[in-house]
Amino acid sequence: MQWWPRREPALSLASTDVPRPRSAPSDVGERRVPERRPAVAERLVRGAVRRIDPRSTDDCADAVAPLSNERIRSALDRMDVRYLTDGDGAVMAMWERHAVLIAIEGPQDEILMMRARPHATVPMDWADRAYRAVNEWNHSRRFAKAYVGDPTDRGQLPIYAEVQMPLRAGVHAALLGELLDCGITVSQGFVEWLHNEGGLL
């Protein structure tokens, strides 16, 4: 088993065109008022929000661009987060008690995935305790799902916290940085909770 389990490609997140219901005019002579475009769409039409080439190194704060490993690494550099990369471009950031894998998944490379794993593992005879702990976290916390992983080769149970965000429409540099910062902060809080209140590690 791999230390970081990889998921098989899931169903596509491609949107389906669902026609919006139109209200009928109150009388025959009434003129239909055209629907107003959302504010974001208007800004895109007017060009206030620019879409940039994903190969470009220009990562302006007001530009919406596709998710990419290069943009993730640039955001982490701005946050002064040290990391390693693998052959697929995924990022591994390490801390004293845990590591966080940051990768792009999905059929269209549109999902930002952050998966935290404490270095410490749980013995098999603590399985019930581990499941109760992660269930308590999932029940009482707003962000990051937690779960017990498959047993390792040494018969230990790893614990994970994971966040996945679909970004098929693209993302601002500022928002990407905020999402990464949030995932990293929550993972640190999760590991601290496991070592203290959770009483698991």
Protein backbone atom coordinates (compact mmCIF):
# COMPACT_ATOMS: atom_id res chain seq x y z
CA MET A 1 0.00 0.00 0.00
CA GLN A 2 1.21 3.47 -0.83
CA TRP A 3 1.85 5.87 2.02
CA TRP A 4 -0.47 8.36 0.27
CA PRO A 5 -3.45 6.49 -1.22
CA ARG A 6 -4.38 7.74 -4.66
CA ARG A 7 -7.96 7.87 -5.78
CA GLU A 8 -9.27 6.57 -9.07
CA PRO A 9 -10.73 9.25 -11.36
CA ALA A 10 -14.24 10.06 -10.20
CA LEU A 11 -17.22 11.17 -12.20
CA SER A 12 -16.67 14.26 -14.26
CA LEU A 13 -17.70 17.55 -12.71
CA ALA A 14 -18.76 18.86 -16.10
CA SER A 15 -21.85 20.95 -15.69
CA THR A 16 -25.11 19.99 -17.31
CA ASP A 17 -27.25 22.61 -18.95
CA VAL A 18 -30.53 22.67 -17.06
CA PRO A 19 -33.05 25.14 -18.48
CA ARG A 20 -34.31 27.68 -15.96
CA PRO A 21 -38.09 27.85 -15.51
CA ARG A 22 -39.57 31.04 -16.91
CA SER A 23 -42.55 32.66 -15.28
CA ALA A 24 -45.41 33.35 -17.64
CA PRO A 25 -46.45 37.00 -18.22
CA SER A 26 -49.49 38.08 -16.19
CA ASP A 27 -51.27 39.15 -19.39
CA VAL A 28 -50.70 38.87 -23.09
CA GLY A 29 -49.56 42.45 -23.57
CA GLU A 30 -46.85 42.33 -20.87
CA ARG A 31 -43.24 42.49 -22.10
CA ARG A 32 -40.76 40.01 -20.70
CA VAL A 33 -37.81 41.65 -18.94
CA PRO A 34 -34.55 39.92 -19.83
CA GLU A 35 -32.78 38.20 -16.94
CA ARG A 36 -29.97 40.18 -15.39
CA ARG A 37 -26.55 38.57 -15.57
CA PRO A 38 -24.80 37.85 -12.28
CA ALA A 39 -22.29 40.48 -11.20
CA VAL A 40 -19.34 38.13 -11.70
CA ALA A 41 -20.43 37.33 -15.24
CA GLU A 42 -20.76 41.02 -15.99
CA ARG A 43 -17.25 41.69 -14.75
CA LEU A 44 -15.96 38.89 -16.94
CA VAL A 45 -17.75 40.33 -19.97
CA ARG A 46 -16.42 43.83 -19.28
CA GLY A 47 -12.92 42.47 -18.74
CA ALA A 48 -12.49 43.60 -15.12
CA VAL A 49 -11.54 40.01 -14.30
CA ARG A 50 -8.91 38.70 -16.69
CA ARG A 51 -8.42 35.09 -17.65
CA ILE A 52 -4.79 34.28 -18.30
CA ASP A 53 -2.87 31.59 -20.09
CA PRO A 54 -2.13 28.77 -17.60
CA ARG A 55 1.44 28.60 -18.98
CA SER A 56 2.03 32.23 -18.14
CA THR A 57 4.13 33.15 -15.12
CA ASP A 58 2.07 36.32 -14.62
CA ASP A 59 -0.07 35.42 -11.60
CA CYS A 60 -1.82 38.74 -11.02
CA ALA A 61 -4.13 38.93 -8.04
CA ASP A 62 -7.12 39.98 -10.20
CA ALA A 63 -6.65 37.24 -12.80
CA VAL A 64 -8.63 34.01 -12.92
CA ALA A 65 -6.50 31.14 -14.22
CA PRO A 66 -6.76 27.34 -14.28
CA LEU A 67 -5.40 25.38 -11.36
CA SER A 68 -1.85 24.15 -11.90
CA ASN A 69 1.05 22.70 -9.93
CA GLU A 70 3.14 25.74 -10.83
CA ARG A 71 0.57 28.09 -9.30
CA ILE A 72 0.37 25.95 -6.16
CA ARG A 73 4.14 26.05 -5.75
CA SER A 74 4.19 29.82 -6.34
CA ALA A 75 1.54 30.31 -3.66
CA LEU A 76 3.45 28.14 -1.19
CA ASP A 77 6.62 30.08 -1.93
CA ARG A 78 4.81 33.31 -1.10
CA MET A 79 3.66 31.70 2.16
CA ASP A 80 7.23 30.57 2.98
CA VAL A 81 6.13 26.92 3.16
CA ARG A 82 8.97 24.48 2.45
CA TYR A 83 8.04 21.46 0.36
CA LEU A 84 9.22 18.59 -1.83
CA THR A 85 7.77 17.58 -5.21
CA ASP A 86 7.29 14.19 -6.83
CA GLY A 87 7.40 13.15 -10.47
CA ASP A 88 3.73 14.04 -10.97
CA GLY A 89 4.24 17.58 -9.67
CA ALA A 90 2.41 16.95 -6.37
CA VAL A 91 3.76 18.80 -3.35
CA MET A 92 4.67 17.33 0.04
CA ALA A 93 5.04 19.79 2.91
CA MET A 94 6.50 18.43 6.15
CA TRP A 95 6.11 19.53 9.75
CA GLU A 96 7.29 18.07 13.06
CA ARG A 97 4.19 15.95 13.66
CA HIS A 98 2.62 15.59 10.26
CA ALA A 99 2.90 16.00 6.49
CA VAL A 100 0.49 17.49 3.97
CA LEU A 101 0.20 16.26 0.39
CA ILE A 102 -1.09 18.91 -2.02
CA ALA A 103 -2.04 17.63 -5.45
CA ILE A 104 -4.38 18.19 -8.38
CA GLU A 105 -6.95 15.49 -9.05
CA GLY A 106 -10.09 14.99 -11.10
CA PRO A 107 -10.78 14.03 -14.71
CA GLN A 108 -9.97 17.56 -15.89
CA ASP A 109 -7.24 18.33 -13.32
CA GLU A 110 -9.71 20.69 -11.67
CA ILE A 111 -9.77 19.53 -8.03
CA LEU A 112 -7.39 20.95 -5.44
CA MET A 113 -6.71 18.18 -2.94
CA MET A 114 -4.93 18.57 0.42
CA ARG A 115 -4.40 15.43 2.49
CA ALA A 116 -2.77 15.59 5.92
CA ARG A 117 -1.31 12.60 7.71
CA PRO A 118 0.21 12.56 11.19
CA HIS A 119 3.55 10.77 11.36
CA ALA A 120 2.23 8.74 14.31
CA THR A 121 -0.05 5.79 13.58
CA VAL A 122 -2.53 3.78 15.64
CA PRO A 123 -2.25 0.07 16.54
CA MET A 124 -4.92 -2.24 15.17
CA ASP A 125 -6.38 -2.94 18.61
CA TRP A 126 -7.17 0.80 18.84
CA ALA A 127 -9.29 0.69 15.67
CA ASP A 128 -12.60 1.34 17.46
CA ARG A 129 -11.05 4.23 19.35
CA ALA A 130 -9.68 5.66 16.08
CA TYR A 131 -13.05 5.48 14.35
CA ARG A 132 -14.76 7.18 17.30
CA ALA A 133 -12.15 9.95 17.26
CA VAL A 134 -12.45 10.74 13.55
CA ASN A 135 -16.24 10.55 13.79
CA GLU A 136 -16.17 13.09 16.61
CA TRP A 137 -13.98 15.39 14.49
CA ASN A 138 -16.29 15.09 11.47
CA HIS A 139 -19.35 15.69 13.64
CA SER A 140 -18.06 18.79 15.42
CA ARG A 141 -15.80 20.49 12.84
CA ARG A 142 -16.78 22.48 9.78
CA PHE A 143 -13.75 21.91 7.57
CA ALA A 144 -11.66 18.85 6.52
CA LYS A 145 -13.04 15.35 6.63
CA ALA A 146 -11.08 12.85 8.70
CA TYR A 147 -10.85 9.11 8.17
CA VAL A 148 -8.91 6.01 9.17
CA GLY A 149 -6.73 4.65 6.37
CA ASP A 150 -5.96 1.08 5.38
CA PRO A 151 -3.48 -0.80 7.58
CA THR A 152 0.18 -0.28 6.75
CA ASP A 153 2.63 -3.10 6.08
CA ARG A 154 3.45 -3.06 9.81
CA GLY A 155 -0.19 -3.47 10.77
CA GLN A 156 -0.68 0.14 11.92
CA LEU A 157 -3.60 2.42 11.06
CA PRO A 158 -2.81 5.83 9.55
CA ILE A 159 -5.14 8.74 10.18
CA TYR A 160 -5.95 11.30 7.48
CA ALA A 161 -7.64 14.67 7.17
CA GLU A 162 -8.57 15.69 3.64
CA VAL A 163 -9.99 18.67 1.80
CA GLN A 164 -11.06 18.68 -1.86
CA MET A 165 -12.22 21.76 -3.74
CA PRO A 166 -13.41 21.79 -7.37
CA LEU A 167 -11.93 24.75 -9.22
CA ARG A 168 -12.86 23.99 -12.83
CA ALA A 169 -13.80 27.63 -13.44
CA GLY A 170 -10.34 28.77 -12.37
CA VAL A 171 -9.15 30.63 -9.30
CA HIS A 172 -7.60 33.97 -8.33
CA ALA A 173 -4.07 33.89 -6.94
CA ALA A 174 -5.32 35.44 -3.70
CA LEU A 175 -8.08 32.86 -3.31
CA LEU A 176 -5.71 29.99 -4.09
CA GLY A 177 -3.38 31.24 -1.39
CA GLU A 178 -6.26 31.52 1.06
CA LEU A 179 -7.44 27.97 0.31
CA LEU A 180 -3.94 26.57 0.77
CA ASP A 181 -3.44 28.52 3.97
CA CYS A 182 -6.79 27.32 5.30
CA GLY A 183 -6.03 23.66 4.48
CA ILE A 184 -2.59 23.85 6.07
CA THR A 185 -3.93 25.59 9.19
CA VAL A 186 -6.78 23.10 9.60
CA SER A 187 -4.39 20.15 9.19
CA GLN A 188 -2.19 21.53 11.95
CA GLY A 189 -5.23 21.96 14.18
CA PHE A 190 -6.37 18.40 13.40
CA VAL A 191 -3.02 16.90 14.38
CA GLU A 192 -2.89 18.95 17.58
CA TRP A 193 -6.43 17.80 18.38
CA LEU A 194 -5.47 14.13 17.87
CA HIS A 195 -2.56 14.54 20.26
CA ASN A 196 -4.59 16.38 22.90
CA GLU A 197 -8.40 16.51 23.07
CA GLY A 198 -8.85 13.58 20.68
CA GLY A 199 -6.61 11.42 22.88
CA LEU A 200 -5.63 9.20 19.97
CA LEU A 201 -1.95 9.88 19.27
